[in-house]
N, C-alpha and C. Protein backbone atom coordinates (compact mmCIF):
# COMPACT_ATOMS: atom_id res chain seq x y z
N MET A 1 0.77 -1.18 0.10
CA MET A 1 0.11 -0.17 -0.06
C MET A 1 0.81 1.24 -0.14
N SER A 2 0.75 1.87 -0.98
CA SER A 2 1.79 3.12 -1.24
C SER A 2 0.78 4.64 -0.68
N SER A 3 1.58 5.63 -0.48
CA SER A 3 0.70 6.69 -0.09
C SER A 3 1.67 7.94 -0.58
N ASP A 4 0.67 9.14 -1.09
CA ASP A 4 1.45 10.25 -1.42
C ASP A 4 2.12 11.14 -0.20
N VAL A 5 1.55 10.83 1.08
CA VAL A 5 1.88 11.61 2.09
C VAL A 5 3.16 10.82 2.58
N GLU A 6 3.99 11.72 3.00
CA GLU A 6 5.21 11.06 3.97
C GLU A 6 4.94 11.05 5.49
N MET A 7 5.10 10.00 6.37
CA MET A 7 4.66 9.72 7.54
C MET A 7 5.91 10.00 8.33
N ASP A 8 5.85 11.23 9.31
CA ASP A 8 6.77 11.36 10.10
C ASP A 8 6.89 10.50 11.11
N SER A 9 7.96 10.40 11.99
CA SER A 9 8.05 9.42 13.17
C SER A 9 6.82 9.63 14.24
N GLY A 10 6.35 10.95 14.32
CA GLY A 10 5.39 11.36 15.42
C GLY A 10 4.04 10.90 15.13
N SER A 11 3.63 10.65 13.74
CA SER A 11 2.40 10.34 13.30
C SER A 11 2.05 8.96 13.14
N SER A 12 1.00 8.48 13.37
CA SER A 12 0.53 6.87 13.18
C SER A 12 -0.59 6.77 11.95
N ARG A 13 -0.89 5.51 11.87
CA ARG A 13 -1.87 5.14 10.76
C ARG A 13 -3.25 5.78 11.27
N THR A 14 -3.61 5.65 12.59
CA THR A 14 -4.97 6.24 12.74
C THR A 14 -5.15 7.67 12.58
N ASP A 15 -4.18 8.52 12.59
CA ASP A 15 -3.91 9.83 12.42
C ASP A 15 -4.43 9.95 11.23
N LEU A 16 -3.64 9.45 10.19
CA LEU A 16 -4.46 9.72 8.60
C LEU A 16 -5.69 9.22 8.28
N HIS A 17 -6.06 8.27 9.00
CA HIS A 17 -7.44 8.04 8.86
C HIS A 17 -8.55 8.90 9.06
N ASN A 18 -8.05 9.76 10.33
CA ASN A 18 -8.84 10.79 10.58
C ASN A 18 -8.97 12.17 9.89
N ILE A 19 -7.94 12.01 8.95
CA ILE A 19 -7.93 13.37 8.16
C ILE A 19 -8.54 13.36 6.87
N PRO A 20 -9.50 14.23 6.49
CA PRO A 20 -10.10 14.47 5.18
C PRO A 20 -8.98 14.27 4.17
N TYR A 21 -9.36 13.51 2.96
CA TYR A 21 -8.38 13.37 1.74
C TYR A 21 -7.71 14.83 1.41
N CYS A 22 -8.46 15.94 1.33
CA CYS A 22 -8.13 16.77 0.94
C CYS A 22 -6.96 17.45 1.78
N LEU A 23 -6.95 17.42 2.82
CA LEU A 23 -6.17 17.82 3.70
C LEU A 23 -4.88 16.69 3.79
N SER A 24 -5.22 15.40 3.74
CA SER A 24 -3.83 14.43 3.70
C SER A 24 -2.82 14.57 2.58
N THR A 25 -3.31 15.65 1.70
CA THR A 25 -2.28 15.57 0.37
C THR A 25 -1.50 16.80 0.96
N LEU A 26 -1.64 17.72 1.71
CA LEU A 26 -0.88 18.53 2.13
C LEU A 26 0.65 18.31 2.57
N PRO A 27 1.71 18.98 2.59
CA PRO A 27 2.95 18.57 2.91
C PRO A 27 3.04 18.50 4.30
N PRO A 28 3.99 17.58 5.04
CA PRO A 28 3.98 17.61 6.60
C PRO A 28 4.03 18.68 7.33
N LYS A 29 4.92 19.81 6.83
CA LYS A 29 4.99 20.83 7.66
C LYS A 29 3.71 21.64 8.16
N ALA A 30 2.79 21.92 6.91
CA ALA A 30 1.46 22.47 7.03
C ALA A 30 0.33 21.38 7.85
N MET A 31 0.64 20.19 7.59
CA MET A 31 -0.17 19.43 8.32
C MET A 31 -0.10 19.72 9.94
N LYS A 32 1.23 19.81 10.38
CA LYS A 32 1.60 19.86 11.64
C LYS A 32 1.14 21.51 12.19
N ALA A 33 1.06 22.19 11.31
CA ALA A 33 0.64 23.64 11.69
C ALA A 33 -0.90 23.53 11.85
N MET A 34 -1.62 22.88 10.91
CA MET A 34 -2.89 22.78 10.90
C MET A 34 -3.54 22.08 12.09
N LYS A 35 -2.94 21.13 12.89
CA LYS A 35 -3.41 20.25 13.65
C LYS A 35 -3.11 21.06 14.91
N ALA A 36 -1.89 21.69 15.03
CA ALA A 36 -1.58 22.63 16.33
C ALA A 36 -2.68 23.76 16.42
N ALA A 37 -3.18 24.35 15.05
CA ALA A 37 -4.15 25.64 15.28
C ALA A 37 -5.26 24.72 15.72
N LYS A 38 -5.67 23.66 15.48
CA LYS A 38 -6.96 22.92 15.47
C LYS A 38 -6.95 22.79 17.00
N GLY A 39 -5.81 22.09 17.58
CA GLY A 39 -5.80 21.83 19.19
C GLY A 39 -5.99 22.94 19.81
N ALA A 40 -5.29 24.03 19.60
CA ALA A 40 -5.18 25.14 20.53
C ALA A 40 -6.53 25.65 20.65
N SER A 41 -7.11 25.85 19.52
CA SER A 41 -8.43 26.47 19.54
C SER A 41 -9.73 25.67 20.00
N GLY A 42 -9.77 24.50 19.82
CA GLY A 42 -10.57 23.30 20.06
C GLY A 42 -11.09 23.14 21.53
N LYS A 43 -10.02 23.50 22.49
CA LYS A 43 -10.31 23.09 23.88
C LYS A 43 -10.77 24.36 24.65
N ALA A 44 -11.62 24.30 25.46
CA ALA A 44 -12.43 25.24 26.07
C ALA A 44 -11.41 25.62 27.26
N MET A 45 -11.71 26.78 27.79
CA MET A 45 -10.94 27.56 28.79
C MET A 45 -11.22 26.89 29.91
N THR A 46 -10.19 26.33 30.99
CA THR A 46 -10.84 25.61 32.24
C THR A 46 -11.21 26.91 33.29
N ALA A 47 -11.85 26.49 34.32
CA ALA A 47 -12.43 27.36 35.36
C ALA A 47 -11.45 28.23 35.90
N THR A 48 -10.23 27.65 36.10
CA THR A 48 -9.09 28.04 37.01
C THR A 48 -8.31 29.20 35.68
N ALA A 49 -8.28 29.17 34.73
CA ALA A 49 -7.71 30.03 33.60
C ALA A 49 -8.92 31.30 33.42
N ALA A 50 -10.34 30.82 33.45
CA ALA A 50 -11.19 31.69 33.51
C ALA A 50 -10.92 32.68 34.77
N TYR A 51 -10.73 32.31 35.72
CA TYR A 51 -10.49 33.21 37.15
C TYR A 51 -9.45 33.91 37.22
N GLN A 52 -8.25 33.42 36.29
CA GLN A 52 -6.96 33.80 36.11
C GLN A 52 -7.14 35.24 35.20
N SER A 53 -7.79 34.88 34.06
CA SER A 53 -8.12 35.78 33.14
C SER A 53 -8.62 37.10 33.63
N VAL A 54 -10.16 36.88 34.16
CA VAL A 54 -10.66 37.91 35.27
C VAL A 54 -9.91 38.71 36.05
N ALA A 55 -9.16 38.06 36.94
CA ALA A 55 -8.31 38.75 38.00
C ALA A 55 -7.22 39.44 37.27
N GLU A 56 -6.70 39.04 36.24
CA GLU A 56 -5.71 40.12 35.34
C GLU A 56 -6.36 41.44 34.89
N THR A 57 -7.81 40.89 34.51
CA THR A 57 -8.50 41.96 33.56
C THR A 57 -8.68 43.27 34.71
N THR A 58 -9.25 42.76 36.15
CA THR A 58 -9.79 43.60 36.97
C THR A 58 -8.66 44.19 38.10
N GLY A 59 -7.87 43.35 38.03
CA GLY A 59 -6.74 43.79 39.24
C GLY A 59 -6.72 43.29 40.47
N LEU A 60 -7.86 42.29 40.45
CA LEU A 60 -8.06 41.83 41.70
C LEU A 60 -7.48 40.19 41.86
N LYS A 61 -7.36 39.54 42.81
CA LYS A 61 -6.74 38.54 43.41
C LYS A 61 -7.51 37.48 42.68
N GLN A 62 -7.10 36.28 42.46
CA GLN A 62 -7.77 35.09 41.90
C GLN A 62 -8.65 34.56 42.91
N LYS A 63 -8.22 34.52 44.01
CA LYS A 63 -8.88 34.11 45.21
C LYS A 63 -10.26 35.02 45.22
N VAL A 64 -10.23 35.94 45.40
CA VAL A 64 -11.58 37.23 45.18
C VAL A 64 -12.39 36.96 44.15
N VAL A 65 -11.60 36.95 43.02
CA VAL A 65 -12.64 36.69 41.75
C VAL A 65 -13.24 35.00 42.16
N LYS A 66 -12.82 34.17 42.53
CA LYS A 66 -13.39 32.79 42.53
C LYS A 66 -14.52 33.13 43.70
N GLY A 67 -14.28 33.74 44.68
CA GLY A 67 -15.43 34.12 45.64
C GLY A 67 -16.47 34.69 45.19
N VAL A 68 -16.16 35.81 44.35
CA VAL A 68 -17.38 36.61 43.80
C VAL A 68 -18.09 35.68 43.01
N VAL A 69 -17.39 34.69 42.10
CA VAL A 69 -18.31 33.78 41.01
C VAL A 69 -19.03 32.87 42.00
N GLU A 70 -18.50 32.12 42.79
CA GLU A 70 -19.27 31.21 43.73
C GLU A 70 -20.47 31.83 44.36
N ALA A 71 -20.23 33.11 44.76
CA ALA A 71 -21.43 33.85 45.70
C ALA A 71 -22.54 34.13 44.44
N MET A 72 -22.02 34.39 43.23
CA MET A 72 -23.07 34.89 42.32
C MET A 72 -23.79 33.58 42.10
N VAL A 73 -22.89 32.23 41.90
CA VAL A 73 -23.76 31.01 41.64
C VAL A 73 -24.94 30.71 42.77
N GLY A 74 -24.32 31.11 43.90
CA GLY A 74 -25.28 30.77 45.15
C GLY A 74 -26.57 31.86 45.04
N VAL A 75 -26.47 32.88 44.50
CA VAL A 75 -27.57 33.81 44.73
C VAL A 75 -28.37 33.19 43.45
N ALA A 76 -27.69 32.69 42.33
CA ALA A 76 -28.39 32.36 41.25
C ALA A 76 -29.50 31.17 41.48
N ALA A 77 -28.97 30.33 42.42
CA ALA A 77 -29.56 29.09 43.02
C ALA A 77 -30.76 29.33 43.60
N ASP A 78 -30.53 30.25 44.66
CA ASP A 78 -31.55 30.75 45.42
C ASP A 78 -32.66 31.27 44.75
N GLN A 79 -32.25 32.40 43.85
CA GLN A 79 -33.26 32.90 42.94
C GLN A 79 -34.28 31.82 42.13
N LEU A 80 -33.56 30.89 41.58
CA LEU A 80 -33.96 30.07 40.94
C LEU A 80 -35.22 29.22 41.61
N LYS A 81 -34.68 28.82 43.10
CA LYS A 81 -35.59 27.96 43.76
C LYS A 81 -36.90 29.10 44.17
N LYS A 82 -36.61 30.22 44.41
CA LYS A 82 -37.74 30.96 44.73
C LYS A 82 -38.83 31.49 43.35
N ALA A 83 -38.02 32.09 42.80
CA ALA A 83 -38.92 32.77 41.72
C ALA A 83 -38.90 31.90 40.35
N GLY A 84 -37.83 30.93 39.95
CA GLY A 84 -38.05 30.35 38.91
C GLY A 84 -37.09 30.74 37.89
N SER A 85 -36.59 31.86 37.75
CA SER A 85 -35.92 32.51 36.73
C SER A 85 -34.76 33.37 37.35
N PHE A 86 -33.68 33.73 36.49
CA PHE A 86 -32.77 34.78 37.18
C PHE A 86 -31.76 35.22 36.04
N LYS A 87 -31.71 36.50 35.97
CA LYS A 87 -30.99 36.85 34.73
C LYS A 87 -29.37 37.39 35.26
N ILE A 88 -28.35 36.94 34.47
CA ILE A 88 -26.98 37.19 34.88
C ILE A 88 -26.24 38.37 34.01
N ALA A 89 -26.27 39.56 34.79
CA ALA A 89 -25.53 40.70 33.88
C ALA A 89 -26.33 40.88 32.51
N GLY A 90 -27.53 40.88 32.24
CA GLY A 90 -28.17 40.96 31.08
C GLY A 90 -27.50 40.25 29.73
N ALA A 91 -26.85 39.16 30.28
CA ALA A 91 -26.45 38.38 29.38
C ALA A 91 -27.12 37.00 29.29
N LEU A 92 -27.20 36.19 30.23
CA LEU A 92 -27.99 35.13 30.41
C LEU A 92 -29.00 35.00 31.12
N ASN A 93 -30.22 34.50 30.86
CA ASN A 93 -31.33 34.21 31.40
C ASN A 93 -31.39 32.72 31.71
N LEU A 94 -31.51 32.64 33.23
CA LEU A 94 -31.57 31.25 33.74
C LEU A 94 -33.22 31.06 34.04
N LYS A 95 -33.76 29.74 33.65
CA LYS A 95 -34.85 29.52 33.97
C LYS A 95 -35.11 28.02 34.41
N LEU A 96 -35.82 28.00 35.26
CA LEU A 96 -36.08 26.36 36.24
C LEU A 96 -37.15 25.75 35.29
N LYS A 97 -36.94 24.42 34.96
CA LYS A 97 -37.82 23.83 34.12
C LYS A 97 -38.20 22.79 34.95
N SER A 98 -39.56 22.35 35.33
CA SER A 98 -40.06 21.03 35.91
C SER A 98 -40.30 20.00 35.17
N LYS A 99 -39.84 18.83 35.32
CA LYS A 99 -40.31 17.77 34.52
C LYS A 99 -41.03 16.79 35.51
N PRO A 100 -42.23 16.53 34.71
CA PRO A 100 -43.27 15.63 35.95
C PRO A 100 -42.65 14.34 35.92
N ALA A 101 -43.13 13.51 36.89
CA ALA A 101 -42.92 12.07 37.20
C ALA A 101 -43.56 11.35 36.15
N THR A 102 -43.08 10.20 35.92
CA THR A 102 -43.37 9.33 34.76
C THR A 102 -43.57 7.89 35.54
N PRO A 103 -45.04 7.37 35.12
CA PRO A 103 -45.23 6.23 36.13
C PRO A 103 -44.61 4.76 35.27
N ALA A 104 -44.49 3.62 36.06
CA ALA A 104 -43.94 2.65 35.37
C ALA A 104 -44.79 2.23 34.34
N ARG A 105 -44.62 1.82 33.02
CA ARG A 105 -45.39 1.46 32.20
C ARG A 105 -44.62 0.11 31.48
N LYS A 106 -45.60 -0.48 30.82
CA LYS A 106 -45.28 -1.79 29.92
C LYS A 106 -44.80 -1.38 28.77
N GLY A 107 -43.93 -2.19 28.22
CA GLY A 107 -43.22 -1.97 26.79
C GLY A 107 -42.72 -3.20 26.07
N VAL A 108 -42.11 -2.99 25.06
CA VAL A 108 -41.43 -4.21 24.46
C VAL A 108 -39.91 -3.91 24.08
N ASN A 109 -39.27 -5.04 24.60
CA ASN A 109 -37.80 -4.85 24.21
C ASN A 109 -37.59 -4.97 22.72
N PRO A 110 -37.03 -3.87 22.04
CA PRO A 110 -37.14 -3.78 20.57
C PRO A 110 -35.90 -4.91 20.16
N PHE A 111 -35.24 -5.36 21.04
CA PHE A 111 -34.01 -6.38 20.40
C PHE A 111 -34.57 -7.92 20.55
N THR A 112 -35.43 -8.09 21.74
CA THR A 112 -35.59 -9.47 22.01
C THR A 112 -37.19 -9.66 21.70
N LYS A 113 -37.45 -8.58 21.36
CA LYS A 113 -39.20 -8.62 21.27
C LYS A 113 -40.10 -9.05 22.65
N GLU A 114 -39.42 -9.26 23.61
CA GLU A 114 -40.28 -9.74 24.76
C GLU A 114 -40.73 -8.41 25.39
N PRO A 115 -41.84 -8.72 26.50
CA PRO A 115 -42.36 -7.80 27.07
C PRO A 115 -41.68 -7.36 28.27
N CYS A 116 -41.55 -6.02 28.74
CA CYS A 116 -40.72 -5.63 29.87
C CYS A 116 -41.57 -4.64 30.59
N VAL A 117 -40.99 -4.17 31.66
CA VAL A 117 -41.68 -3.04 32.36
C VAL A 117 -40.41 -1.78 32.41
N PHE A 118 -40.86 -0.78 31.84
CA PHE A 118 -39.99 0.62 32.27
C PHE A 118 -40.08 0.94 33.54
N LYS A 119 -39.20 1.20 34.16
CA LYS A 119 -39.15 1.84 35.39
C LYS A 119 -39.79 3.28 35.56
N ALA A 120 -40.56 3.47 36.71
CA ALA A 120 -40.97 4.88 37.03
C ALA A 120 -39.67 5.92 37.37
N LYS A 121 -39.73 7.15 37.05
CA LYS A 121 -38.94 7.97 37.15
C LYS A 121 -39.61 9.13 37.93
N PRO A 122 -38.81 9.82 38.80
CA PRO A 122 -39.45 10.75 39.76
C PRO A 122 -39.34 11.89 39.27
N ALA A 123 -40.21 13.07 39.74
CA ALA A 123 -40.04 14.53 38.81
C ALA A 123 -38.95 15.00 39.29
N SER A 124 -38.39 15.86 38.77
CA SER A 124 -37.00 16.42 38.50
C SER A 124 -37.21 17.73 37.97
N LYS A 125 -36.17 18.87 38.25
CA LYS A 125 -36.07 20.03 37.70
C LYS A 125 -34.62 20.33 37.17
N THR A 126 -34.60 20.99 35.99
CA THR A 126 -33.65 21.42 34.99
C THR A 126 -33.24 22.70 35.08
N VAL A 127 -32.17 23.08 34.89
CA VAL A 127 -32.09 24.67 34.39
C VAL A 127 -31.63 24.81 33.05
N ARG A 128 -32.47 25.79 32.58
CA ARG A 128 -31.92 26.18 31.16
C ARG A 128 -31.36 27.69 31.14
N ALA A 129 -30.44 27.84 30.24
CA ALA A 129 -29.60 28.99 30.21
C ALA A 129 -29.88 29.60 28.89
N LEU A 130 -30.65 30.75 28.82
CA LEU A 130 -30.61 31.11 27.37
C LEU A 130 -29.96 32.57 27.01
N PRO A 131 -29.25 32.53 26.09
CA PRO A 131 -28.52 33.76 25.93
C PRO A 131 -29.60 35.27 25.64
N MET A 132 -29.37 36.44 26.05
CA MET A 132 -30.05 37.54 25.76
C MET A 132 -29.01 38.23 24.65
N LYS A 133 -29.88 39.16 24.03
CA LYS A 133 -29.40 40.00 23.20
C LYS A 133 -28.16 40.48 23.38
N LYS A 134 -27.74 41.06 24.44
CA LYS A 134 -26.45 41.46 24.65
C LYS A 134 -25.07 40.63 24.60
N PHE A 135 -25.61 39.21 25.05
CA PHE A 135 -24.71 38.32 24.80
C PHE A 135 -24.49 37.85 23.20
N LYS A 136 -25.38 37.69 22.60
CA LYS A 136 -25.42 37.44 21.05
C LYS A 136 -24.61 38.40 20.53
N GLU A 137 -25.03 39.82 20.68
CA GLU A 137 -24.18 40.77 20.02
C GLU A 137 -22.53 40.49 20.35
N LEU A 138 -22.27 40.24 21.48
CA LEU A 138 -20.85 40.25 21.83
C LEU A 138 -20.07 38.84 21.23
N VAL A 139 -20.88 37.88 20.77
CA VAL A 139 -20.53 36.55 20.20
C VAL A 139 -20.40 36.88 18.97
N ASN A 140 -21.24 37.59 18.16
CA ASN A 140 -21.27 37.57 16.82
C ASN A 140 -20.42 39.07 16.26
């Protein structure tokens, strides 16, 4: 099996199969640069990195920023329990959504075609975060 792409010692067969054909024909240097750019931009910022960034921007210490954010989350949780919604800085609208309990019911296992009973699920609550106009404008 011959290939137009030269493999360097750092790449493996599985790496080549995950790359679209149009990119696999690039020279090895260009491939490394594209992989590095994809890897750097594809990862989300960690919580610690976010605290550090805000601390540098505001001139506060990282511990203070972390305390403020945790206090804000605590206030949001209390307000969600009481009122059912909470707005964060005009950027996010948090809403509490209640899911009703579902009773146990009979059904058929699709693989074996034999009857079975689906367990009952208790009522639960979940939080939805909806972006507001101000946040959408900042992203776009």
